[in-house]
N, C-alpha and C. Protein backbone atom coordinates (compact mmCIF):
# COMPACT_ATOMS: atom_id res chain seq x y z
N MET A 1 -4.90 -10.48 -18.66
CA MET A 1 -4.77 -9.73 -18.30
C MET A 1 -5.39 -9.41 -17.82
N GLU A 2 -5.84 -8.84 -16.65
CA GLU A 2 -6.87 -7.76 -16.45
C GLU A 2 -7.37 -6.11 -16.79
N THR A 3 -7.94 -6.03 -17.04
CA THR A 3 -8.74 -4.92 -17.22
C THR A 3 -8.38 -3.88 -17.00
N ALA A 4 -7.79 -2.33 -16.91
CA ALA A 4 -7.54 -1.71 -15.13
C ALA A 4 -9.09 -1.71 -14.36
N GLU A 5 -10.57 -1.32 -15.40
CA GLU A 5 -11.19 -1.43 -14.38
C GLU A 5 -11.69 -2.66 -13.95
N GLU A 6 -11.50 -3.93 -13.91
CA GLU A 6 -11.11 -4.65 -12.93
C GLU A 6 -10.44 -4.92 -12.05
N ILE A 7 -9.37 -4.33 -12.75
CA ILE A 7 -8.17 -4.11 -11.23
C ILE A 7 -8.49 -3.01 -10.20
N ILE A 8 -9.42 -1.81 -10.87
CA ILE A 8 -9.96 -0.78 -9.37
C ILE A 8 -10.65 -1.06 -8.90
N ASN A 9 -11.31 -2.30 -9.48
CA ASN A 9 -12.82 -3.10 -8.56
C ASN A 9 -12.37 -3.49 -7.78
N PHE A 10 -11.11 -4.62 -7.80
CA PHE A 10 -10.90 -5.53 -7.61
C PHE A 10 -10.07 -5.18 -6.09
N LEU A 11 -9.16 -3.69 -6.24
CA LEU A 11 -8.57 -2.56 -5.86
C LEU A 11 -9.67 -2.53 -3.74
N VAL A 12 -11.11 -1.77 -4.69
CA VAL A 12 -12.02 -1.61 -4.34
C VAL A 12 -12.47 -2.03 -3.37
N LEU A 13 -12.39 -3.06 -4.10
CA LEU A 13 -13.85 -4.55 -3.00
C LEU A 13 -12.83 -4.49 -1.46
N TYR A 14 -11.42 -4.67 -2.22
CA TYR A 14 -10.51 -5.33 -0.97
C TYR A 14 -9.85 -4.30 0.16
N PHE A 15 -9.75 -2.52 -0.53
CA PHE A 15 -10.50 -1.75 0.44
C PHE A 15 -11.49 -1.60 0.96
N GLN A 16 -11.96 -2.04 0.76
CA GLN A 16 -13.62 -1.36 1.79
C GLN A 16 -13.26 -2.91 2.98
N SER A 17 -13.05 -3.82 2.55
CA SER A 17 -13.30 -5.07 3.27
C SER A 17 -11.72 -5.17 3.83
N ARG A 18 -11.22 -4.34 3.88
CA ARG A 18 -9.69 -4.30 4.98
C ARG A 18 -10.02 -2.63 5.74
N ASN A 19 -11.59 -1.58 5.58
CA ASN A 19 -11.37 -0.97 6.21
C ASN A 19 -10.43 0.60 6.44
N ILE A 20 -10.32 0.53 5.25
CA ILE A 20 -9.04 1.17 4.32
C ILE A 20 -9.59 2.73 4.94
N GLN A 21 -10.83 2.83 4.96
CA GLN A 21 -11.39 4.36 5.40
C GLN A 21 -10.69 4.95 6.08
N ASN A 22 -10.57 4.30 7.55
CA ASN A 22 -10.05 4.33 8.26
C ASN A 22 -8.88 5.05 9.30
N TRP A 23 -8.03 5.20 7.37
CA TRP A 23 -6.72 5.29 7.76
C TRP A 23 -6.74 7.14 7.75
N ASN A 24 -8.04 7.16 7.23
CA ASN A 24 -7.45 9.07 7.13
C ASN A 24 -6.83 8.95 6.33
N TYR A 25 -6.08 10.64 6.33
CA TYR A 25 -5.63 10.68 5.22
C TYR A 25 -4.09 10.27 5.59
N VAL A 26 -3.13 9.50 4.17
CA VAL A 26 -2.09 8.97 4.02
C VAL A 26 -1.51 9.68 2.61
N GLY A 27 0.02 8.94 2.58
CA GLY A 27 0.43 10.10 1.24
C GLY A 27 0.72 8.82 0.25
N TYR A 28 0.46 9.51 -0.80
CA TYR A 28 0.46 8.40 -1.93
C TYR A 28 1.49 7.05 -1.77
N LYS A 29 2.45 7.46 -1.24
CA LYS A 29 3.45 5.73 -1.04
C LYS A 29 3.18 4.34 -0.48
N ASN A 30 2.23 5.11 0.91
CA ASN A 30 1.66 4.13 1.16
C ASN A 30 0.43 3.36 0.38
N ILE A 31 -0.13 4.10 -0.16
CA ILE A 31 -1.54 3.38 -1.52
C ILE A 31 -0.83 3.46 -2.38
N LYS A 32 0.27 3.53 -3.00
CA LYS A 32 1.17 2.74 -3.88
C LYS A 32 1.93 1.06 -3.71
N ASN A 33 2.39 1.31 -2.20
CA ASN A 33 2.49 0.15 -1.57
C ASN A 33 1.86 -0.99 -1.24
N LEU A 34 0.44 -0.22 -1.20
CA LEU A 34 -0.64 -1.72 -0.76
C LEU A 34 -1.45 -1.73 -2.97
N ILE A 35 -1.40 -1.28 -3.38
CA ILE A 35 -1.55 -1.57 -4.61
C ILE A 35 -0.38 -2.07 -5.56
N THR A 36 0.53 -2.34 -4.98
CA THR A 36 1.49 -3.45 -5.50
C THR A 36 1.17 -4.56 -4.63
N TYR A 37 1.26 -4.18 -3.62
CA TYR A 37 0.91 -6.22 -2.47
C TYR A 37 -0.19 -7.42 -2.92
N ILE A 38 -1.66 -5.62 -3.34
CA ILE A 38 -2.42 -6.62 -4.21
C ILE A 38 -2.24 -6.89 -5.63
N THR A 39 -2.58 -6.54 -6.11
CA THR A 39 -1.87 -6.89 -7.55
C THR A 39 -1.04 -7.52 -7.80
N GLY A 40 0.42 -6.84 -6.91
CA GLY A 40 1.68 -7.47 -7.82
C GLY A 40 2.45 -7.14 -9.03
N ILE A 41 1.65 -5.70 -9.35
CA ILE A 41 2.30 -5.13 -10.49
C ILE A 41 3.88 -4.36 -10.06
N LYS A 42 4.30 -3.96 -11.05
CA LYS A 42 5.65 -3.58 -9.95
C LYS A 42 6.41 -2.04 -11.06
N ASP A 43 4.59 -2.32 -12.53
CA ASP A 43 5.75 -0.77 -12.81
C ASP A 43 4.68 -0.05 -13.06
N ILE A 44 5.65 1.32 -11.79
CA ILE A 44 5.02 2.67 -11.24
C ILE A 44 3.95 3.20 -11.80
N ASP A 45 3.90 3.66 -13.59
CA ASP A 45 3.13 4.12 -14.81
C ASP A 45 2.18 3.49 -14.43
N GLN A 46 2.39 2.66 -14.74
CA GLN A 46 0.63 1.48 -14.62
C GLN A 46 -0.24 1.40 -12.83
N ILE A 47 0.84 1.82 -12.19
CA ILE A 47 0.24 1.64 -10.38
C ILE A 47 -0.29 3.09 -10.90
N ARG A 48 0.35 4.51 -11.24
CA ARG A 48 -0.05 5.64 -10.80
C ARG A 48 -1.53 5.80 -12.00
N ASN A 49 -1.32 5.38 -13.05
CA ASN A 49 -2.79 5.47 -14.11
C ASN A 49 -3.78 4.66 -12.89
N ILE A 50 -3.85 3.33 -12.74
CA ILE A 50 -4.68 3.04 -11.59
C ILE A 50 -4.76 3.85 -11.16
N PHE A 51 -4.09 4.98 -10.28
CA PHE A 51 -4.96 5.70 -8.67
C PHE A 51 -5.14 6.80 -9.47
N GLU A 52 -4.42 7.49 -10.15
CA GLU A 52 -5.58 8.61 -11.27
C GLU A 52 -6.40 8.15 -11.65
N LYS A 53 -7.09 6.86 -12.25
CA LYS A 53 -8.89 6.88 -12.57
C LYS A 53 -9.29 6.44 -11.24
N MET A 54 -8.90 5.59 -9.55
CA MET A 54 -9.45 5.87 -9.21
C MET A 54 -9.86 7.57 -8.37
N ILE A 55 -9.11 7.99 -8.42
CA ILE A 55 -9.16 9.77 -7.53
C ILE A 55 -10.37 10.09 -8.63
N LYS A 56 -10.07 9.67 -10.03
CA LYS A 56 -11.16 10.66 -10.95
C LYS A 56 -13.12 10.16 -11.19
N ALA A 57 -12.49 8.62 -10.27
CA ALA A 57 -13.98 8.20 -10.16
C ALA A 57 -14.61 8.48 -8.64
N GLY A 58 -13.92 9.27 -7.68
CA GLY A 58 -13.88 9.56 -6.55
C GLY A 58 -14.14 8.85 -5.08
N TRP A 59 -13.29 8.24 -5.66
CA TRP A 59 -12.30 6.78 -4.50
C TRP A 59 -11.89 7.83 -3.27
N PHE A 60 -11.26 8.29 -3.76
CA PHE A 60 -10.52 9.72 -3.27
C PHE A 60 -10.81 10.79 -3.32
N ILE A 61 -10.35 11.29 -1.60
CA ILE A 61 -9.89 12.67 -1.62
C ILE A 61 -8.57 12.85 -0.97
N LYS A 62 -8.68 14.27 -1.83
CA LYS A 62 -7.34 15.03 -2.20
C LYS A 62 -7.48 15.86 -1.32
N ARG A 63 -6.47 16.04 -0.43
CA ARG A 63 -6.06 17.16 1.06
C ARG A 63 -4.71 17.57 0.15
N ARG A 64 -4.54 19.26 0.33
CA ARG A 64 -2.99 19.12 0.10
C ARG A 64 -2.36 20.29 1.56
N THR A 65 -1.43 20.10 1.86
CA THR A 65 -1.12 20.98 3.39
C THR A 65 0.27 21.21 2.86
N GLY A 66 0.45 22.16 2.46
CA GLY A 66 1.99 23.26 2.07
C GLY A 66 1.84 22.47 1.41
N SER A 67 3.84 21.59 1.08
CA SER A 67 3.65 20.65 -0.54
C SER A 67 3.35 19.92 -0.30
N LYS A 68 3.09 18.43 0.56
CA LYS A 68 2.25 17.34 0.92
C LYS A 68 1.58 17.35 0.56
N THR A 69 0.55 16.09 -0.12
CA THR A 69 -1.15 15.74 -1.09
C THR A 69 -1.15 15.16 0.01
N ASP A 70 -2.01 14.36 0.05
CA ASP A 70 -2.11 13.52 0.73
C ASP A 70 -4.05 13.15 0.67
N TYR A 71 -4.33 12.47 0.74
CA TYR A 71 -5.35 10.60 -0.48
C TYR A 71 -6.38 10.24 0.80
N LYS A 72 -7.50 10.32 0.98
CA LYS A 72 -8.56 9.47 2.63
C LYS A 72 -9.49 8.38 0.97
N PHE A 73 -9.36 7.32 1.27
CA PHE A 73 -10.02 6.34 0.72
C PHE A 73 -11.64 6.73 1.36
N MET A 74 -12.93 7.10 0.04
CA MET A 74 -14.10 6.91 1.09
C MET A 74 -14.76 5.97 0.40
N TYR A 75 -15.43 5.25 1.65
CA TYR A 75 -16.72 4.19 1.53
C TYR A 75 -17.55 4.77 0.34
N GLN A 76 -17.73 4.36 -0.91
CA GLN A 76 -19.33 4.53 -0.72
C GLN A 76 -19.76 3.05 -0.86
N LEU A 77 -21.24 3.26 -0.52
CA LEU A 77 -22.42 2.38 -0.39
C LEU A 77 -22.66 1.71 -1.74
N SER A 78 -23.17 1.10 -2.95
CA SER A 78 -23.28 0.94 -3.83
C SER A 78 -25.49 0.92 -3.14
N ASP A 79 -25.56 1.69 -4.81
CA ASP A 79 -27.47 1.34 -4.95
C ASP A 79 -28.09 1.13 -4.72
């Protein structure tokens, strides 16, 4: 089984190749479904944990509008 770091690196590569940053702001549900589709992980807690690590690493921007929270993937070029 892959580590969380390996999964995150793969997800970032996939998101960059599919230009997910062009989606602008989307809800967690869309990102969760995409992570499930890409990795095959069905455990909701594990998906949330991976997503939270991606937010901490700076791959997503969080925006709150009223009671709704949206996220935007940030395409970052490696130096």
